[in-house]
Amino acid sequence: MNHLMSSLQNGINDRQRELRQLVTLLGAHAFRLQRISNYLRVITILLSAITTAKGVADKVYGADFTPALLIFTALGIVTTAAIGIEAAFKFEKRAADLNMLSATTQTTVITVDSEWRKNIGSIGDSDLRKAARDLITMQDAKLTEIHQKAALAGINLTLEIRELEDPQDIPYSA
């Protein structure tokens, strides 16, 4: 394989590696957000169920019984806070969005692998560079889309993953 084709192949490999890392990162973030959402939902349900016992406490102890008032007020505050936190941060929606983005990223990995086998692994030398450039263009477009969508969901992938170009393989050296 000549130097130009080797450089293109390294670019494809680097992008595939990044895509695979993104699948893992996005999946982990989605899982974490979904778990937080589930915890908040369970806490809200449990606290709401306990709060419904206020009527019974009022009958047993009287409506002016200070300890019961304080306990049920605290339960109401915590319940409202849990509902407000979920509403403000939208953990469930963000988790679903990131999960979909992770699946899209994995689909891109599979598509690139298939395209490589069809277009690069099976054609003559004269068409290899064009096929490799087309594949890199597709990878770059998907990587851009994935990074933008992750940023909209509040995840900065650039800080977690960026090191695309290998210093040994600078494509624009003179």
C-alpha atoms as a PDB file:
ATOM      1  CA  MET A   1       0.000   0.000   0.000  1.00  0.00           C
ATOM      2  CA  ASN A   2       1.487   3.363  -0.992  1.00  0.00           C
ATOM      3  CA  HIS A   3       1.943   6.279   1.434  1.00  0.00           C
ATOM      4  CA  LEU A   4      -1.177   8.201   0.319  1.00  0.00           C
ATOM      5  CA  MET A   5      -3.414   5.174   0.637  1.00  0.00           C
ATOM      6  CA  SER A   6      -1.797   4.288   3.962  1.00  0.00           C
ATOM      7  CA  SER A   7      -2.550   7.795   5.230  1.00  0.00           C
ATOM      8  CA  LEU A   8      -6.177   7.504   4.107  1.00  0.00           C
ATOM      9  CA  GLN A   9      -6.510   4.074   5.709  1.00  0.00           C
ATOM     10  CA  ASN A  10      -5.077   5.430   8.972  1.00  0.00           C
ATOM     11  CA  GLY A  11      -7.664   8.227   8.832  1.00  0.00           C
ATOM     12  CA  ILE A  12     -10.462   5.685   8.376  1.00  0.00           C
ATOM     13  CA  ASN A  13      -9.140   3.558  11.239  1.00  0.00           C
ATOM     14  CA  ASP A  14      -8.821   6.587  13.553  1.00  0.00           C
ATOM     15  CA  ARG A  15     -12.382   7.662  12.848  1.00  0.00           C
ATOM     16  CA  GLN A  16     -13.703   4.138  13.379  1.00  0.00           C
ATOM     17  CA  ARG A  17     -11.887   4.034  16.715  1.00  0.00           C
ATOM     18  CA  GLU A  18     -13.466   7.359  17.672  1.00  0.00           C
ATOM     19  CA  LEU A  19     -16.909   6.154  16.621  1.00  0.00           C
ATOM     20  CA  ARG A  20     -16.505   3.017  18.746  1.00  0.00           C
ATOM     21  CA  GLN A  21     -15.428   5.135  21.732  1.00  0.00           C
ATOM     22  CA  LEU A  22     -18.453   7.372  21.195  1.00  0.00           C
ATOM     23  CA  VAL A  23     -20.768   4.347  21.305  1.00  0.00           C
ATOM     24  CA  THR A  24     -19.364   3.469  24.731  1.00  0.00           C
ATOM     25  CA  LEU A  25     -19.400   7.038  26.085  1.00  0.00           C
ATOM     26  CA  LEU A  26     -22.889   7.849  24.846  1.00  0.00           C
ATOM     27  CA  GLY A  27     -24.247   4.532  26.100  1.00  0.00           C
ATOM     28  CA  ALA A  28     -22.701   5.101  29.539  1.00  0.00           C
ATOM     29  CA  HIS A  29     -24.096   8.644  29.771  1.00  0.00           C
ATOM     30  CA  ALA A  30     -27.540   7.424  28.660  1.00  0.00           C
ATOM     31  CA  PHE A  31     -27.487   4.642  31.259  1.00  0.00           C
ATOM     32  CA  ARG A  32     -26.468   7.044  34.033  1.00  0.00           C
ATOM     33  CA  LEU A  33     -29.175   9.580  33.134  1.00  0.00           C
ATOM     34  CA  GLN A  34     -31.827   6.852  32.911  1.00  0.00           C
ATOM     35  CA  ARG A  35     -30.806   5.512  36.322  1.00  0.00           C
ATOM     36  CA  ILE A  36     -31.091   9.016  37.854  1.00  0.00           C
ATOM     37  CA  SER A  37     -34.507   9.429  36.238  1.00  0.00           C
ATOM     38  CA  ASN A  38     -35.644   6.062  37.593  1.00  0.00           C
ATOM     39  CA  TYR A  39     -34.426   6.892  41.119  1.00  0.00           C
ATOM     40  CA  LEU A  40     -36.250  10.230  41.060  1.00  0.00           C
ATOM     41  CA  ARG A  41     -39.427   8.539  39.851  1.00  0.00           C
ATOM     42  CA  VAL A  42     -39.290   5.875  42.597  1.00  0.00           C
ATOM     43  CA  ILE A  43     -38.551   8.490  45.274  1.00  0.00           C
ATOM     44  CA  THR A  44     -41.457  10.621  44.052  1.00  0.00           C
ATOM     45  CA  ILE A  45     -43.847   7.661  44.091  1.00  0.00           C
ATOM     46  CA  LEU A  46     -42.787   6.518  47.561  1.00  0.00           C
ATOM     47  CA  LEU A  47     -42.893   9.991  49.093  1.00  0.00           C
ATOM     48  CA  SER A  48     -46.265  10.723  47.484  1.00  0.00           C
ATOM     49  CA  ALA A  49     -47.637   7.471  48.886  1.00  0.00           C
ATOM     50  CA  ILE A  50     -46.393   8.338  52.376  1.00  0.00           C
ATOM     51  CA  THR A  51     -47.790  11.873  52.090  1.00  0.00           C
ATOM     52  CA  THR A  52     -51.266  10.467  51.476  1.00  0.00           C
ATOM     53  CA  ALA A  53     -51.193   9.239  55.088  1.00  0.00           C
ATOM     54  CA  LYS A  54     -51.417  12.844  56.333  1.00  0.00           C
ATOM     55  CA  GLY A  55     -55.187  12.586  56.638  1.00  0.00           C
ATOM     56  CA  VAL A  56     -54.837   9.578  58.919  1.00  0.00           C
ATOM     57  CA  ALA A  57     -52.172  11.341  61.009  1.00  0.00           C
ATOM     58  CA  ASP A  58     -54.455  14.369  61.352  1.00  0.00           C
ATOM     59  CA  LYS A  59     -57.288  12.163  62.651  1.00  0.00           C
ATOM     60  CA  VAL A  60     -55.060  10.235  65.057  1.00  0.00           C
ATOM     61  CA  TYR A  61     -52.929  13.105  66.406  1.00  0.00           C
ATOM     62  CA  GLY A  62     -54.989  16.138  65.461  1.00  0.00           C
ATOM     63  CA  ALA A  63     -54.337  18.614  62.666  1.00  0.00           C
ATOM     64  CA  ASP A  64     -52.196  20.830  64.925  1.00  0.00           C
ATOM     65  CA  PHE A  65     -49.749  18.101  66.034  1.00  0.00           C
ATOM     66  CA  THR A  66     -46.383  19.785  65.328  1.00  0.00           C
ATOM     67  CA  PRO A  67     -44.183  16.712  64.671  1.00  0.00           C
ATOM     68  CA  ALA A  68     -46.653  15.380  62.080  1.00  0.00           C
ATOM     69  CA  LEU A  69     -46.893  18.814  60.454  1.00  0.00           C
ATOM     70  CA  LEU A  70     -43.102  19.059  60.224  1.00  0.00           C
ATOM     71  CA  ILE A  71     -42.689  15.529  58.855  1.00  0.00           C
ATOM     72  CA  PHE A  72     -45.368  15.897  56.189  1.00  0.00           C
ATOM     73  CA  THR A  73     -44.138  19.365  55.236  1.00  0.00           C
ATOM     74  CA  ALA A  74     -40.620  17.979  54.793  1.00  0.00           C
ATOM     75  CA  LEU A  75     -41.984  15.081  52.719  1.00  0.00           C
ATOM     76  CA  GLY A  76     -43.896  17.541  50.538  1.00  0.00           C
ATOM     77  CA  ILE A  77     -40.796  19.687  50.016  1.00  0.00           C
ATOM     78  CA  VAL A  78     -38.620  16.701  49.087  1.00  0.00           C
ATOM     79  CA  THR A  79     -41.309  15.335  46.739  1.00  0.00           C
ATOM     80  CA  THR A  80     -41.669  18.700  45.022  1.00  0.00           C
ATOM     81  CA  ALA A  81     -37.897  19.039  44.746  1.00  0.00           C
ATOM     82  CA  ALA A  82     -37.584  15.585  43.134  1.00  0.00           C
ATOM     83  CA  ILE A  83     -40.320  16.426  40.627  1.00  0.00           C
ATOM     84  CA  GLY A  84     -38.711  19.812  39.937  1.00  0.00           C
ATOM     85  CA  ILE A  85     -35.253  18.320  39.409  1.00  0.00           C
ATOM     86  CA  GLU A  86     -36.601  15.837  36.838  1.00  0.00           C
ATOM     87  CA  ALA A  87     -38.576  18.598  35.114  1.00  0.00           C
ATOM     88  CA  ALA A  88     -35.582  20.945  35.027  1.00  0.00           C
ATOM     89  CA  PHE A  89     -32.951  18.481  33.869  1.00  0.00           C
ATOM     90  CA  LYS A  90     -35.181  16.163  31.797  1.00  0.00           C
ATOM     91  CA  PHE A  91     -33.089  13.103  32.657  1.00  0.00           C
ATOM     92  CA  GLU A  92     -35.449  10.642  30.967  1.00  0.00           C
ATOM     93  CA  LYS A  93     -35.635  12.543  27.662  1.00  0.00           C
ATOM     94  CA  ARG A  94     -31.892  13.188  27.575  1.00  0.00           C
ATOM     95  CA  ALA A  95     -31.227   9.511  28.317  1.00  0.00           C
ATOM     96  CA  ALA A  96     -33.495   8.461  25.445  1.00  0.00           C
ATOM     97  CA  ASP A  97     -31.834  10.961  23.090  1.00  0.00           C
ATOM     98  CA  LEU A  98     -28.338   9.777  24.034  1.00  0.00           C
ATOM     99  CA  ASN A  99     -29.372   6.144  23.743  1.00  0.00           C
ATOM    100  CA  MET A 100     -30.635   6.824  20.219  1.00  0.00           C
ATOM    101  CA  LEU A 101     -27.423   8.684  19.391  1.00  0.00           C
ATOM    102  CA  SER A 102     -25.366   5.746  20.671  1.00  0.00           C
ATOM    103  CA  ALA A 103     -27.364   3.389  18.441  1.00  0.00           C
ATOM    104  CA  THR A 104     -26.911   5.725  15.463  1.00  0.00           C
ATOM    105  CA  THR A 105     -23.176   5.807  16.133  1.00  0.00           C
ATOM    106  CA  GLN A 106     -23.000   2.007  16.245  1.00  0.00           C
ATOM    107  CA  THR A 107     -24.944   1.880  12.973  1.00  0.00           C
ATOM    108  CA  THR A 108     -22.348   4.204  11.451  1.00  0.00           C
ATOM    109  CA  VAL A 109     -19.543   1.867  12.563  1.00  0.00           C
ATOM    110  CA  ILE A 110     -21.301  -1.059  10.890  1.00  0.00           C
ATOM    111  CA  THR A 111     -22.053   0.952   7.734  1.00  0.00           C
ATOM    112  CA  VAL A 112     -18.441   2.096   7.400  1.00  0.00           C
ATOM    113  CA  ASP A 113     -17.190  -1.465   7.891  1.00  0.00           C
ATOM    114  CA  SER A 114     -19.556  -2.685   5.174  1.00  0.00           C
ATOM    115  CA  GLU A 115     -18.668   0.143   2.810  1.00  0.00           C
ATOM    116  CA  TRP A 116     -14.965  -0.495   3.355  1.00  0.00           C
ATOM    117  CA  ARG A 117     -15.384  -4.164   2.463  1.00  0.00           C
ATOM    118  CA  LYS A 118     -17.458  -3.350  -0.628  1.00  0.00           C
ATOM    119  CA  ASN A 119     -15.543  -0.341  -1.939  1.00  0.00           C
ATOM    120  CA  ILE A 120     -11.984  -0.576  -0.685  1.00  0.00           C
ATOM    121  CA  GLY A 121     -11.395  -4.215   0.098  1.00  0.00           C
ATOM    122  CA  SER A 122     -12.564  -5.401  -3.309  1.00  0.00           C
ATOM    123  CA  ILE A 123     -11.578  -2.879  -6.004  1.00  0.00           C
ATOM    124  CA  GLY A 124      -8.520  -2.102  -8.069  1.00  0.00           C
ATOM    125  CA  ASP A 125      -5.747   0.209  -6.935  1.00  0.00           C
ATOM    126  CA  SER A 126      -6.801   3.122  -9.149  1.00  0.00           C
ATOM    127  CA  ASP A 127     -10.126   3.572  -7.346  1.00  0.00           C
ATOM    128  CA  LEU A 128      -8.889   2.925  -3.807  1.00  0.00           C
ATOM    129  CA  ARG A 129      -8.037   6.502  -2.889  1.00  0.00           C
ATOM    130  CA  LYS A 130     -11.361   7.892  -4.105  1.00  0.00           C
ATOM    131  CA  ALA A 131     -13.278   5.198  -2.230  1.00  0.00           C
ATOM    132  CA  ALA A 132     -11.227   5.873   0.922  1.00  0.00           C
ATOM    133  CA  ARG A 133     -11.813   9.637   0.650  1.00  0.00           C
ATOM    134  CA  ASP A 134     -15.556   9.048   0.214  1.00  0.00           C
ATOM    135  CA  LEU A 135     -15.580   6.861   3.310  1.00  0.00           C
ATOM    136  CA  ILE A 136     -13.708   9.489   5.351  1.00  0.00           C
ATOM    137  CA  THR A 137     -16.180  12.132   4.163  1.00  0.00           C
ATOM    138  CA  MET A 138     -19.065   9.975   5.375  1.00  0.00           C
ATOM    139  CA  GLN A 139     -17.338   9.367   8.734  1.00  0.00           C
ATOM    140  CA  ASP A 140     -16.614  13.066   9.197  1.00  0.00           C
ATOM    141  CA  ALA A 141     -20.231  14.010   8.472  1.00  0.00           C
ATOM    142  CA  LYS A 142     -21.511  11.474  11.002  1.00  0.00           C
ATOM    143  CA  LEU A 143     -18.929  12.461  13.630  1.00  0.00           C
ATOM    144  CA  THR A 144     -19.942  16.105  13.233  1.00  0.00           C
ATOM    145  CA  GLU A 145     -23.624  15.219  13.595  1.00  0.00           C
ATOM    146  CA  ILE A 146     -22.974  13.035  16.652  1.00  0.00           C
ATOM    147  CA  HIS A 147     -20.858  15.661  18.414  1.00  0.00           C
ATOM    148  CA  GLN A 148     -23.480  18.355  17.733  1.00  0.00           C
ATOM    149  CA  LYS A 149     -26.377  16.235  18.988  1.00  0.00           C
ATOM    150  CA  ALA A 150     -24.434  15.204  22.079  1.00  0.00           C
ATOM    151  CA  ALA A 151     -23.648  18.862  22.781  1.00  0.00           C
ATOM    152  CA  LEU A 152     -27.367  19.681  22.547  1.00  0.00           C
ATOM    153  CA  ALA A 153     -27.975  16.951  25.139  1.00  0.00           C
ATOM    154  CA  GLY A 154     -25.383  18.525  27.441  1.00  0.00           C
ATOM    155  CA  ILE A 155     -22.521  16.072  26.820  1.00  0.00           C
ATOM    156  CA  ASN A 156     -19.143  17.473  25.768  1.00  0.00           C
ATOM    157  CA  LEU A 157     -17.639  14.561  23.855  1.00  0.00           C
ATOM    158  CA  THR A 158     -14.769  16.643  22.551  1.00  0.00           C
ATOM    159  CA  LEU A 159     -13.180  16.857  25.985  1.00  0.00           C
ATOM    160  CA  GLU A 160     -13.625  13.148  26.570  1.00  0.00           C
ATOM    161  CA  ILE A 161     -12.444  11.722  23.268  1.00  0.00           C
ATOM    162  CA  ARG A 162     -10.514  14.106  21.042  1.00  0.00           C
ATOM    163  CA  GLU A 163      -7.228  12.877  19.595  1.00  0.00           C
ATOM    164  CA  LEU A 164      -8.179  12.075  16.019  1.00  0.00           C
ATOM    165  CA  GLU A 165      -4.977  12.787  14.110  1.00  0.00           C
ATOM    166  CA  ASP A 166      -1.927  10.673  14.767  1.00  0.00           C
ATOM    167  CA  PRO A 167       1.146  12.975  14.871  1.00  0.00           C
ATOM    168  CA  GLN A 168       2.969  10.437  12.678  1.00  0.00           C
ATOM    169  CA  ASP A 169       0.263  10.704  10.022  1.00  0.00           C
ATOM    170  CA  ILE A 170      -0.226  14.419   9.389  1.00  0.00           C
ATOM    171  CA  PRO A 171      -2.079  14.510   6.043  1.00  0.00           C
ATOM    172  CA  TYR A 172      -1.185  18.083   5.153  1.00  0.00           C
ATOM    173  CA  SER A 173       2.552  18.122   5.616  1.00  0.00           C
ATOM    174  CA  ALA A 174       4.391  19.594   2.644  1.00  0.00           C
END
